[in-house]
Amino acid sequence: MDESRLREWYRPRGLLPVGAGTVVTADSVLAETGDRLMRDTGLDCLPAPDC
């Protein structure tokens, strides 16, 4: 998807209904954001894949 297509659907603070999403701000720390998403989705409780 190119930049012009992204601009078509982007809405500043275009939030999902209450409780359906998480806002990740530009100043979020990558590792902390990843950890938060893993906890919020329950993926932190799954065993690591055997790659």
PDB file of N, CA and C in Angstrom:
ATOM      1  N   MET A   1       0.856  -1.162   0.000  1.00  0.00           N
ATOM      2  CA  MET A   1       0.000   0.000   0.000  1.00  0.00           C
ATOM      3  C   MET A   1       0.905   1.228   0.000  1.00  0.00           C
ATOM      4  N   ASP A   2       0.625   2.156  -0.877  1.00  0.00           N
ATOM      5  CA  ASP A   2       1.473   3.338  -0.956  1.00  0.00           C
ATOM      6  C   ASP A   2       0.912   4.470  -0.076  1.00  0.00           C
ATOM      7  N   GLU A   3       1.695   5.533   0.045  1.00  0.00           N
ATOM      8  CA  GLU A   3       1.344   6.630   0.938  1.00  0.00           C
ATOM      9  C   GLU A   3      -0.005   7.260   0.607  1.00  0.00           C
ATOM     10  N   SER A   4      -0.300   7.437  -0.663  1.00  0.00           N
ATOM     11  CA  SER A   4      -1.568   8.077  -1.028  1.00  0.00           C
ATOM     12  C   SER A   4      -2.764   7.232  -0.589  1.00  0.00           C
ATOM     13  N   ARG A   5      -2.643   5.918  -0.677  1.00  0.00           N
ATOM     14  CA  ARG A   5      -3.728   5.029  -0.219  1.00  0.00           C
ATOM     15  C   ARG A   5      -3.890   5.100   1.294  1.00  0.00           C
ATOM     16  N   LEU A   6      -2.780   5.175   2.009  1.00  0.00           N
ATOM     17  CA  LEU A   6      -2.859   5.292   3.465  1.00  0.00           C
ATOM     18  C   LEU A   6      -3.551   6.583   3.863  1.00  0.00           C
ATOM     19  N   ARG A   7      -3.254   7.653   3.161  1.00  0.00           N
ATOM     20  CA  ARG A   7      -3.869   8.947   3.471  1.00  0.00           C
ATOM     21  C   ARG A   7      -5.380   8.925   3.252  1.00  0.00           C
ATOM     22  N   GLU A   8      -5.863   8.087   2.340  1.00  0.00           N
ATOM     23  CA  GLU A   8      -7.298   8.008   2.070  1.00  0.00           C
ATOM     24  C   GLU A   8      -8.094   7.513   3.273  1.00  0.00           C
ATOM     25  N   TRP A   9      -7.551   6.540   3.988  1.00  0.00           N
ATOM     26  CA  TRP A   9      -8.328   5.963   5.098  1.00  0.00           C
ATOM     27  C   TRP A   9      -7.897   6.446   6.463  1.00  0.00           C
ATOM     28  N   TYR A  10      -6.742   7.099   6.567  1.00  0.00           N
ATOM     29  CA  TYR A  10      -6.259   7.545   7.875  1.00  0.00           C
ATOM     30  C   TYR A  10      -7.143   8.638   8.459  1.00  0.00           C
ATOM     31  N   ARG A  11      -7.490   8.494   9.731  1.00  0.00           N
ATOM     32  CA  ARG A  11      -8.235   9.505  10.477  1.00  0.00           C
ATOM     33  C   ARG A  11      -7.518   9.708  11.800  1.00  0.00           C
ATOM     34  N   PRO A  12      -7.050  10.931  12.086  1.00  0.00           N
ATOM     35  CA  PRO A  12      -6.384  11.167  13.372  1.00  0.00           C
ATOM     36  C   PRO A  12      -7.297  10.750  14.521  1.00  0.00           C
ATOM     37  N   ARG A  13      -6.735  10.027  15.456  1.00  0.00           N
ATOM     38  CA  ARG A  13      -7.487   9.537  16.622  1.00  0.00           C
ATOM     39  C   ARG A  13      -8.739   8.782  16.192  1.00  0.00           C
ATOM     40  N   GLY A  14      -8.661   8.055  15.089  1.00  0.00           N
ATOM     41  CA  GLY A  14      -9.788   7.265  14.607  1.00  0.00           C
ATOM     42  C   GLY A  14      -9.911   5.997  15.442  1.00  0.00           C
ATOM     43  N   LEU A  15     -10.437   6.148  16.641  1.00  0.00           N
ATOM     44  CA  LEU A  15     -10.482   5.048  17.605  1.00  0.00           C
ATOM     45  C   LEU A  15     -11.600   4.058  17.301  1.00  0.00           C
ATOM     46  N   LEU A  16     -11.380   2.826  17.697  1.00  0.00           N
ATOM     47  CA  LEU A  16     -12.404   1.788  17.626  1.00  0.00           C
ATOM     48  C   LEU A  16     -13.380   1.994  18.775  1.00  0.00           C
ATOM     49  N   PRO A  17     -14.517   1.296  18.770  1.00  0.00           N
ATOM     50  CA  PRO A  17     -15.450   1.409  19.893  1.00  0.00           C
ATOM     51  C   PRO A  17     -14.756   1.126  21.226  1.00  0.00           C
ATOM     52  N   VAL A  18     -15.297   1.657  22.292  1.00  0.00           N
ATOM     53  CA  VAL A  18     -14.697   1.535  23.622  1.00  0.00           C
ATOM     54  C   VAL A  18     -14.296   0.091  23.915  1.00  0.00           C
ATOM     55  N   GLY A  19     -13.062  -0.084  24.338  1.00  0.00           N
ATOM     56  CA  GLY A  19     -12.559  -1.393  24.719  1.00  0.00           C
ATOM     57  C   GLY A  19     -12.100  -2.264  23.573  1.00  0.00           C
ATOM     58  N   ALA A  20     -12.213  -1.783  22.340  1.00  0.00           N
ATOM     59  CA  ALA A  20     -11.877  -2.616  21.191  1.00  0.00           C
ATOM     60  C   ALA A  20     -10.480  -2.342  20.638  1.00  0.00           C
ATOM     61  N   GLY A  21      -9.749  -1.413  21.233  1.00  0.00           N
ATOM     62  CA  GLY A  21      -8.449  -1.105  20.676  1.00  0.00           C
ATOM     63  C   GLY A  21      -7.515  -0.504  21.709  1.00  0.00           C
ATOM     64  N   THR A  22      -6.265  -0.375  21.315  1.00  0.00           N
ATOM     65  CA  THR A  22      -5.235   0.207  22.157  1.00  0.00           C
ATOM     66  C   THR A  22      -4.529   1.285  21.362  1.00  0.00           C
ATOM     67  N   VAL A  23      -4.383   2.457  21.951  1.00  0.00           N
ATOM     68  CA  VAL A  23      -3.658   3.542  21.293  1.00  0.00           C
ATOM     69  C   VAL A  23      -2.178   3.379  21.594  1.00  0.00           C
ATOM     70  N   VAL A  24      -1.379   3.326  20.544  1.00  0.00           N
ATOM     71  CA  VAL A  24       0.075   3.276  20.679  1.00  0.00           C
ATOM     72  C   VAL A  24       0.591   4.619  20.179  1.00  0.00           C
ATOM     73  N   THR A  25       1.106   5.404  21.093  1.00  0.00           N
ATOM     74  CA  THR A  25       1.550   6.746  20.739  1.00  0.00           C
ATOM     75  C   THR A  25       2.950   6.726  20.129  1.00  0.00           C
ATOM     76  N   ALA A  26       3.314   7.826  19.487  1.00  0.00           N
ATOM     77  CA  ALA A  26       4.605   7.926  18.814  1.00  0.00           C
ATOM     78  C   ALA A  26       5.777   7.822  19.785  1.00  0.00           C
ATOM     79  N   ASP A  27       5.567   8.153  21.052  1.00  0.00           N
ATOM     80  CA  ASP A  27       6.662   8.088  22.024  1.00  0.00           C
ATOM     81  C   ASP A  27       6.721   6.738  22.750  1.00  0.00           C
ATOM     82  N   SER A  28       5.939   5.771  22.314  1.00  0.00           N
ATOM     83  CA  SER A  28       5.956   4.437  22.927  1.00  0.00           C
ATOM     84  C   SER A  28       7.299   3.757  22.684  1.00  0.00           C
ATOM     85  N   VAL A  29       7.769   3.056  23.697  1.00  0.00           N
ATOM     86  CA  VAL A  29       9.007   2.282  23.592  1.00  0.00           C
ATOM     87  C   VAL A  29       8.651   0.925  22.994  1.00  0.00           C
ATOM     88  N   LEU A  30       9.370   0.528  21.960  1.00  0.00           N
ATOM     89  CA  LEU A  30       9.038  -0.686  21.218  1.00  0.00           C
ATOM     90  C   LEU A  30       8.903  -1.913  22.116  1.00  0.00           C
ATOM     91  N   ALA A  31       9.898  -2.177  22.949  1.00  0.00           N
ATOM     92  CA  ALA A  31       9.864  -3.385  23.791  1.00  0.00           C
ATOM     93  C   ALA A  31       8.671  -3.363  24.743  1.00  0.00           C
ATOM     94  N   GLU A  32       8.388  -2.201  25.345  1.00  0.00           N
ATOM     95  CA  GLU A  32       7.261  -2.096  26.269  1.00  0.00           C
ATOM     96  C   GLU A  32       5.927  -2.252  25.532  1.00  0.00           C
ATOM     97  N   THR A  33       5.844  -1.689  24.341  1.00  0.00           N
ATOM     98  CA  THR A  33       4.631  -1.816  23.544  1.00  0.00           C
ATOM     99  C   THR A  33       4.402  -3.270  23.155  1.00  0.00           C
ATOM    100  N   GLY A  34       5.457  -3.953  22.728  1.00  0.00           N
ATOM    101  CA  GLY A  34       5.343  -5.368  22.381  1.00  0.00           C
ATOM    102  C   GLY A  34       4.901  -6.198  23.572  1.00  0.00           C
ATOM    103  N   ASP A  35       5.502  -5.945  24.732  1.00  0.00           N
ATOM    104  CA  ASP A  35       5.123  -6.675  25.951  1.00  0.00           C
ATOM    105  C   ASP A  35       3.663  -6.428  26.302  1.00  0.00           C
ATOM    106  N   ARG A  36       3.233  -5.175  26.187  1.00  0.00           N
ATOM    107  CA  ARG A  36       1.832  -4.825  26.500  1.00  0.00           C
ATOM    108  C   ARG A  36       0.875  -5.545  25.567  1.00  0.00           C
ATOM    109  N   LEU A  37       1.178  -5.546  24.277  1.00  0.00           N
ATOM    110  CA  LEU A  37       0.309  -6.223  23.316  1.00  0.00           C
ATOM    111  C   LEU A  37       0.268  -7.728  23.562  1.00  0.00           C
ATOM    112  N   MET A  38       1.402  -8.305  23.904  1.00  0.00           N
ATOM    113  CA  MET A  38       1.432  -9.741  24.201  1.00  0.00           C
ATOM    114  C   MET A  38       0.550 -10.051  25.414  1.00  0.00           C
ATOM    115  N   ARG A  39       0.650  -9.230  26.460  1.00  0.00           N
ATOM    116  CA  ARG A  39      -0.187  -9.431  27.660  1.00  0.00           C
ATOM    117  C   ARG A  39      -1.662  -9.230  27.341  1.00  0.00           C
ATOM    118  N   ASP A  40      -1.972  -8.126  26.651  1.00  0.00           N
ATOM    119  CA  ASP A  40      -3.373  -7.797  26.372  1.00  0.00           C
ATOM    120  C   ASP A  40      -4.066  -8.854  25.520  1.00  0.00           C
ATOM    121  N   THR A  41      -3.326  -9.531  24.662  1.00  0.00           N
ATOM    122  CA  THR A  41      -3.916 -10.536  23.784  1.00  0.00           C
ATOM    123  C   THR A  41      -3.808 -11.956  24.340  1.00  0.00           C
ATOM    124  N   GLY A  42      -3.084 -12.112  25.446  1.00  0.00           N
ATOM    125  CA  GLY A  42      -2.912 -13.431  26.039  1.00  0.00           C
ATOM    126  C   GLY A  42      -1.820 -14.257  25.376  1.00  0.00           C
ATOM    127  N   LEU A  43      -1.110 -13.678  24.432  1.00  0.00           N
ATOM    128  CA  LEU A  43      -0.064 -14.421  23.746  1.00  0.00           C
ATOM    129  C   LEU A  43       1.158 -14.657  24.617  1.00  0.00           C
ATOM    130  N   ASP A  44       1.287 -13.895  25.708  1.00  0.00           N
ATOM    131  CA  ASP A  44       2.423 -14.090  26.598  1.00  0.00           C
ATOM    132  C   ASP A  44       2.328 -15.408  27.368  1.00  0.00           C
ATOM    133  N   CYS A  45       1.173 -16.047  27.361  1.00  0.00           N
ATOM    134  CA  CYS A  45       0.975 -17.310  28.077  1.00  0.00           C
ATOM    135  C   CYS A  45       1.203 -18.538  27.203  1.00  0.00           C
ATOM    136  N   LEU A  46       1.409 -18.308  25.920  1.00  0.00           N
ATOM    137  CA  LEU A  46       1.616 -19.427  25.001  1.00  0.00           C
ATOM    138  C   LEU A  46       3.077 -19.845  24.973  1.00  0.00           C
ATOM    139  N   PRO A  47       3.347 -21.117  24.732  1.00  0.00           N
ATOM    140  CA  PRO A  47       4.750 -21.546  24.625  1.00  0.00           C
ATOM    141  C   PRO A  47       5.395 -20.951  23.389  1.00  0.00           C
ATOM    142  N   ALA A  48       6.692 -20.718  23.473  1.00  0.00           N
ATOM    143  CA  ALA A  48       7.436 -20.192  22.328  1.00  0.00           C
ATOM    144  C   ALA A  48       7.440 -21.247  21.219  1.00  0.00           C
ATOM    145  N   PRO A  49       7.359 -20.830  19.953  1.00  0.00           N
ATOM    146  CA  PRO A  49       7.391 -21.797  18.859  1.00  0.00           C
ATOM    147  C   PRO A  49       8.755 -22.450  18.759  1.00  0.00           C
ATOM    148  N   ASP A  50       8.770 -23.671  18.331  1.00  0.00           N
ATOM    149  CA  ASP A  50      10.018 -24.417  18.161  1.00  0.00           C
ATOM    150  C   ASP A  50      10.481 -24.235  16.724  1.00  0.00           C
ATOM    151  N   CYS A  51      11.303 -23.233  16.491  1.00  0.00           N
ATOM    152  CA  CYS A  51      11.738 -22.910  15.125  1.00  0.00           C
ATOM    153  C   CYS A  51      13.064 -23.553  14.800  1.00  0.00           C
TER     154      CYS A  51
END
